[in-house]
């Protein structure tokens, strides 16, 4: 799927509902640490490449 062909709204919705922890775990990442900012509107996910 080429999300570059989607409009900005559809790309945002697609990234918002994606489970990034499980996606990145499949690529060898772990040790996740999640930070929430601005009344939980912005989420920063930190991980370590294992």
PDB file of N, CA and C in Angstrom:
ATOM      1  N   UNK A   1       0.843  -1.170   0.000  1.00  0.00           N
ATOM      2  CA  UNK A   1       0.000   0.000   0.000  1.00  0.00           C
ATOM      3  C   UNK A   1       0.890   1.235   0.000  1.00  0.00           C
ATOM      4  N   UNK A   2       0.640   2.139  -0.912  1.00  0.00           N
ATOM      5  CA  UNK A   2       1.389   3.387  -0.997  1.00  0.00           C
ATOM      6  C   UNK A   2       0.567   4.494  -0.347  1.00  0.00           C
ATOM      7  N   UNK A   3       0.867   4.834   0.907  1.00  0.00           N
ATOM      8  CA  UNK A   3       0.067   5.846   1.599  1.00  0.00           C
ATOM      9  C   UNK A   3       0.374   7.243   1.090  1.00  0.00           C
ATOM     10  N   UNK A   4       1.426   7.388   0.302  1.00  0.00           N
ATOM     11  CA  UNK A   4       1.727   8.687  -0.289  1.00  0.00           C
ATOM     12  C   UNK A   4       0.647   9.144  -1.246  1.00  0.00           C
ATOM     13  N   UNK A   5      -0.127   8.207  -1.791  1.00  0.00           N
ATOM     14  CA  UNK A   5      -1.200   8.566  -2.711  1.00  0.00           C
ATOM     15  C   UNK A   5      -2.465   8.992  -1.978  1.00  0.00           C
ATOM     16  N   UNK A   6      -2.530   8.759  -0.671  1.00  0.00           N
ATOM     17  CA  UNK A   6      -3.693   9.168   0.110  1.00  0.00           C
ATOM     18  C   UNK A   6      -3.614  10.650   0.441  1.00  0.00           C
ATOM     19  N   UNK A   7      -4.748  11.248   0.740  1.00  0.00           N
ATOM     20  CA  UNK A   7      -4.768  12.625   1.220  1.00  0.00           C
ATOM     21  C   UNK A   7      -4.238  12.687   2.638  1.00  0.00           C
ATOM     22  N   UNK A   8      -3.963  13.877   3.115  1.00  0.00           N
ATOM     23  CA  UNK A   8      -3.398  14.061   4.451  1.00  0.00           C
ATOM     24  C   UNK A   8      -4.319  13.476   5.521  1.00  0.00           C
ATOM     25  N   UNK A   9      -5.615  13.658   5.399  1.00  0.00           N
ATOM     26  CA  UNK A   9      -6.559  13.152   6.394  1.00  0.00           C
ATOM     27  C   UNK A   9      -6.499  11.638   6.482  1.00  0.00           C
ATOM     28  N   UNK A  10      -6.504  10.946   5.345  1.00  0.00           N
ATOM     29  CA  UNK A  10      -6.477   9.485   5.361  1.00  0.00           C
ATOM     30  C   UNK A  10      -5.153   8.968   5.899  1.00  0.00           C
ATOM     31  N   UNK A  11      -4.052   9.639   5.592  1.00  0.00           N
ATOM     32  CA  UNK A  11      -2.758   9.220   6.136  1.00  0.00           C
ATOM     33  C   UNK A  11      -2.736   9.377   7.646  1.00  0.00           C
ATOM     34  N   UNK A  12      -3.318  10.467   8.166  1.00  0.00           N
ATOM     35  CA  UNK A  12      -3.353  10.682   9.607  1.00  0.00           C
ATOM     36  C   UNK A  12      -4.180   9.603  10.294  1.00  0.00           C
ATOM     37  N   UNK A  13      -5.345   9.288   9.764  1.00  0.00           N
ATOM     38  CA  UNK A  13      -6.211   8.273  10.356  1.00  0.00           C
ATOM     39  C   UNK A  13      -5.513   6.923  10.320  1.00  0.00           C
ATOM     40  N   UNK A  14      -4.851   6.603   9.222  1.00  0.00           N
ATOM     41  CA  UNK A  14      -4.142   5.326   9.103  1.00  0.00           C
ATOM     42  C   UNK A  14      -3.043   5.217  10.146  1.00  0.00           C
ATOM     43  N   UNK A  15      -2.288   6.279  10.365  1.00  0.00           N
ATOM     44  CA  UNK A  15      -1.199   6.223  11.348  1.00  0.00           C
ATOM     45  C   UNK A  15      -1.744   6.261  12.774  1.00  0.00           C
ATOM     46  N   UNK A  16      -2.902   6.876  12.976  1.00  0.00           N
ATOM     47  CA  UNK A  16      -3.465   6.988  14.312  1.00  0.00           C
ATOM     48  C   UNK A  16      -3.992   5.649  14.822  1.00  0.00           C
ATOM     49  N   UNK A  17      -4.490   4.795  13.928  1.00  0.00           N
ATOM     50  CA  UNK A  17      -5.066   3.535  14.370  1.00  0.00           C
ATOM     51  C   UNK A  17      -4.072   2.382  14.307  1.00  0.00           C
ATOM     52  N   UNK A  18      -2.887   2.639  13.802  1.00  0.00           N
ATOM     53  CA  UNK A  18      -1.870   1.594  13.678  1.00  0.00           C
ATOM     54  C   UNK A  18      -1.278   1.272  15.054  1.00  0.00           C
ATOM     55  N   UNK A  19      -1.093  -0.005  15.336  1.00  0.00           N
ATOM     56  CA  UNK A  19      -0.461  -0.425  16.589  1.00  0.00           C
ATOM     57  C   UNK A  19       1.052  -0.474  16.356  1.00  0.00           C
ATOM     58  N   UNK A  20       1.712   0.647  16.630  1.00  0.00           N
ATOM     59  CA  UNK A  20       3.132   0.783  16.314  1.00  0.00           C
ATOM     60  C   UNK A  20       4.007  -0.176  17.116  1.00  0.00           C
ATOM     61  N   UNK A  21       3.635  -0.491  18.348  1.00  0.00           N
ATOM     62  CA  UNK A  21       4.457  -1.389  19.161  1.00  0.00           C
ATOM     63  C   UNK A  21       4.529  -2.775  18.534  1.00  0.00           C
ATOM     64  N   UNK A  22       3.415  -3.319  18.113  1.00  0.00           N
ATOM     65  CA  UNK A  22       3.435  -4.652  17.500  1.00  0.00           C
ATOM     66  C   UNK A  22       4.100  -4.614  16.135  1.00  0.00           C
ATOM     67  N   UNK A  23       3.906  -3.531  15.393  1.00  0.00           N
ATOM     68  CA  UNK A  23       4.541  -3.401  14.084  1.00  0.00           C
ATOM     69  C   UNK A  23       6.064  -3.355  14.212  1.00  0.00           C
ATOM     70  N   UNK A  24       6.566  -2.537  15.126  1.00  0.00           N
ATOM     71  CA  UNK A  24       8.014  -2.406  15.302  1.00  0.00           C
ATOM     72  C   UNK A  24       8.637  -3.630  15.962  1.00  0.00           C
ATOM     73  N   UNK A  25       7.875  -4.349  16.777  1.00  0.00           N
ATOM     74  CA  UNK A  25       8.386  -5.579  17.391  1.00  0.00           C
ATOM     75  C   UNK A  25       8.769  -6.597  16.334  1.00  0.00           C
ATOM     76  N   UNK A  26       8.033  -6.623  15.251  1.00  0.00           N
ATOM     77  CA  UNK A  26       8.342  -7.535  14.148  1.00  0.00           C
ATOM     78  C   UNK A  26       9.636  -7.203  13.436  1.00  0.00           C
ATOM     79  N   UNK A  27      10.151  -5.995  13.613  1.00  0.00           N
ATOM     80  CA  UNK A  27      11.400  -5.569  12.995  1.00  0.00           C
ATOM     81  C   UNK A  27      12.552  -5.536  13.994  1.00  0.00           C
ATOM     82  N   UNK A  28      12.379  -6.163  15.168  1.00  0.00           N
ATOM     83  CA  UNK A  28      13.470  -6.288  16.129  1.00  0.00           C
ATOM     84  C   UNK A  28      13.579  -5.160  17.138  1.00  0.00           C
ATOM     85  N   UNK A  29      12.545  -4.375  17.304  1.00  0.00           N
ATOM     86  CA  UNK A  29      12.560  -3.311  18.294  1.00  0.00           C
ATOM     87  C   UNK A  29      11.876  -3.784  19.568  1.00  0.00           C
ATOM     88  N   UNK A  30      12.278  -3.244  20.694  1.00  0.00           N
ATOM     89  CA  UNK A  30      11.689  -3.594  21.981  1.00  0.00           C
ATOM     90  C   UNK A  30      11.994  -2.520  23.003  1.00  0.00           C
ATOM     91  N   UNK A  31      11.679  -2.788  24.257  1.00  0.00           N
ATOM     92  CA  UNK A  31      11.936  -1.819  25.329  1.00  0.00           C
ATOM     93  C   UNK A  31      11.188  -0.519  25.118  1.00  0.00           C
ATOM     94  N   UNK A  32       9.915  -0.615  24.803  1.00  0.00           N
ATOM     95  CA  UNK A  32       9.133   0.568  24.468  1.00  0.00           C
ATOM     96  C   UNK A  32       8.853   1.426  25.689  1.00  0.00           C
ATOM     97  N   UNK A  33       8.911   2.730  25.477  1.00  0.00           N
ATOM     98  CA  UNK A  33       8.585   3.712  26.495  1.00  0.00           C
ATOM     99  C   UNK A  33       7.730   4.775  25.815  1.00  0.00           C
ATOM    100  N   UNK A  34       6.546   5.000  26.345  1.00  0.00           N
ATOM    101  CA  UNK A  34       5.603   5.905  25.702  1.00  0.00           C
ATOM    102  C   UNK A  34       5.391   7.156  26.548  1.00  0.00           C
ATOM    103  N   UNK A  35       5.447   8.324  25.895  1.00  0.00           N
ATOM    104  CA  UNK A  35       5.224   9.606  26.552  1.00  0.00           C
ATOM    105  C   UNK A  35       4.042  10.292  25.874  1.00  0.00           C
ATOM    106  N   UNK A  36       3.189  10.905  26.665  1.00  0.00           N
ATOM    107  CA  UNK A  36       2.026  11.601  26.128  1.00  0.00           C
ATOM    108  C   UNK A  36       2.140  13.084  26.458  1.00  0.00           C
ATOM    109  N   UNK A  37       1.828  13.928  25.477  1.00  0.00           N
ATOM    110  CA  UNK A  37       1.944  15.373  25.623  1.00  0.00           C
ATOM    111  C   UNK A  37       0.649  16.053  25.188  1.00  0.00           C
ATOM    112  N   UNK A  38       0.478  17.285  25.600  1.00  0.00           N
ATOM    113  CA  UNK A  38      -0.648  18.137  25.207  1.00  0.00           C
ATOM    114  C   UNK A  38      -1.985  17.435  25.373  1.00  0.00           C
ATOM    115  N   UNK A  39      -2.289  17.101  26.613  1.00  0.00           N
ATOM    116  CA  UNK A  39      -3.561  16.458  26.975  1.00  0.00           C
ATOM    117  C   UNK A  39      -3.781  15.162  26.188  1.00  0.00           C
ATOM    118  N   UNK A  40      -2.704  14.413  26.003  1.00  0.00           N
ATOM    119  CA  UNK A  40      -2.701  13.106  25.322  1.00  0.00           C
ATOM    120  C   UNK A  40      -3.026  13.185  23.832  1.00  0.00           C
ATOM    121  N   UNK A  41      -2.900  14.358  23.218  1.00  0.00           N
ATOM    122  CA  UNK A  41      -3.101  14.472  21.775  1.00  0.00           C
ATOM    123  C   UNK A  41      -1.866  14.031  20.998  1.00  0.00           C
ATOM    124  N   UNK A  42      -0.703  14.161  21.607  1.00  0.00           N
ATOM    125  CA  UNK A  42       0.557  13.790  20.950  1.00  0.00           C
ATOM    126  C   UNK A  42       1.210  12.681  21.750  1.00  0.00           C
ATOM    127  N   UNK A  43       1.594  11.616  21.051  1.00  0.00           N
ATOM    128  CA  UNK A  43       2.219  10.465  21.700  1.00  0.00           C
ATOM    129  C   UNK A  43       3.607  10.263  21.103  1.00  0.00           C
ATOM    130  N   UNK A  44       4.603  10.155  21.971  1.00  0.00           N
ATOM    131  CA  UNK A  44       5.972   9.887  21.547  1.00  0.00           C
ATOM    132  C   UNK A  44       6.324   8.486  22.002  1.00  0.00           C
ATOM    133  N   UNK A  45       6.692   7.649  21.068  1.00  0.00           N
ATOM    134  CA  UNK A  45       7.040   6.272  21.363  1.00  0.00           C
ATOM    135  C   UNK A  45       8.542   6.097  21.185  1.00  0.00           C
ATOM    136  N   UNK A  46       9.211   5.678  22.243  1.00  0.00           N
ATOM    137  CA  UNK A  46      10.651   5.463  22.235  1.00  0.00           C
ATOM    138  C   UNK A  46      10.905   3.971  22.308  1.00  0.00           C
ATOM    139  N   UNK A  47      11.881   3.492  21.516  1.00  0.00           N
ATOM    140  CA  UNK A  47      12.189   2.066  21.535  1.00  0.00           C
ATOM    141  C   UNK A  47      13.675   1.858  21.298  1.00  0.00           C
ATOM    142  N   UNK A  48      14.102   0.619  21.491  1.00  0.00           N
ATOM    143  CA  UNK A  48      15.497   0.246  21.327  1.00  0.00           C
ATOM    144  C   UNK A  48      15.568  -0.879  20.303  1.00  0.00           C
ATOM    145  N   UNK A  49      16.505  -0.780  19.375  1.00  0.00           N
ATOM    146  CA  UNK A  49      16.735  -1.867  18.410  1.00  0.00           C
ATOM    147  C   UNK A  49      17.490  -2.966  19.113  1.00  0.00           C
ATOM    148  N   UNK A  50      16.876  -4.156  19.181  1.00  0.00           N
ATOM    149  CA  UNK A  50      17.479  -5.283  19.905  1.00  0.00           C
ATOM    150  C   UNK A  50      18.458  -6.041  19.037  1.00  0.00           C
TER     151      UNK A  50
END
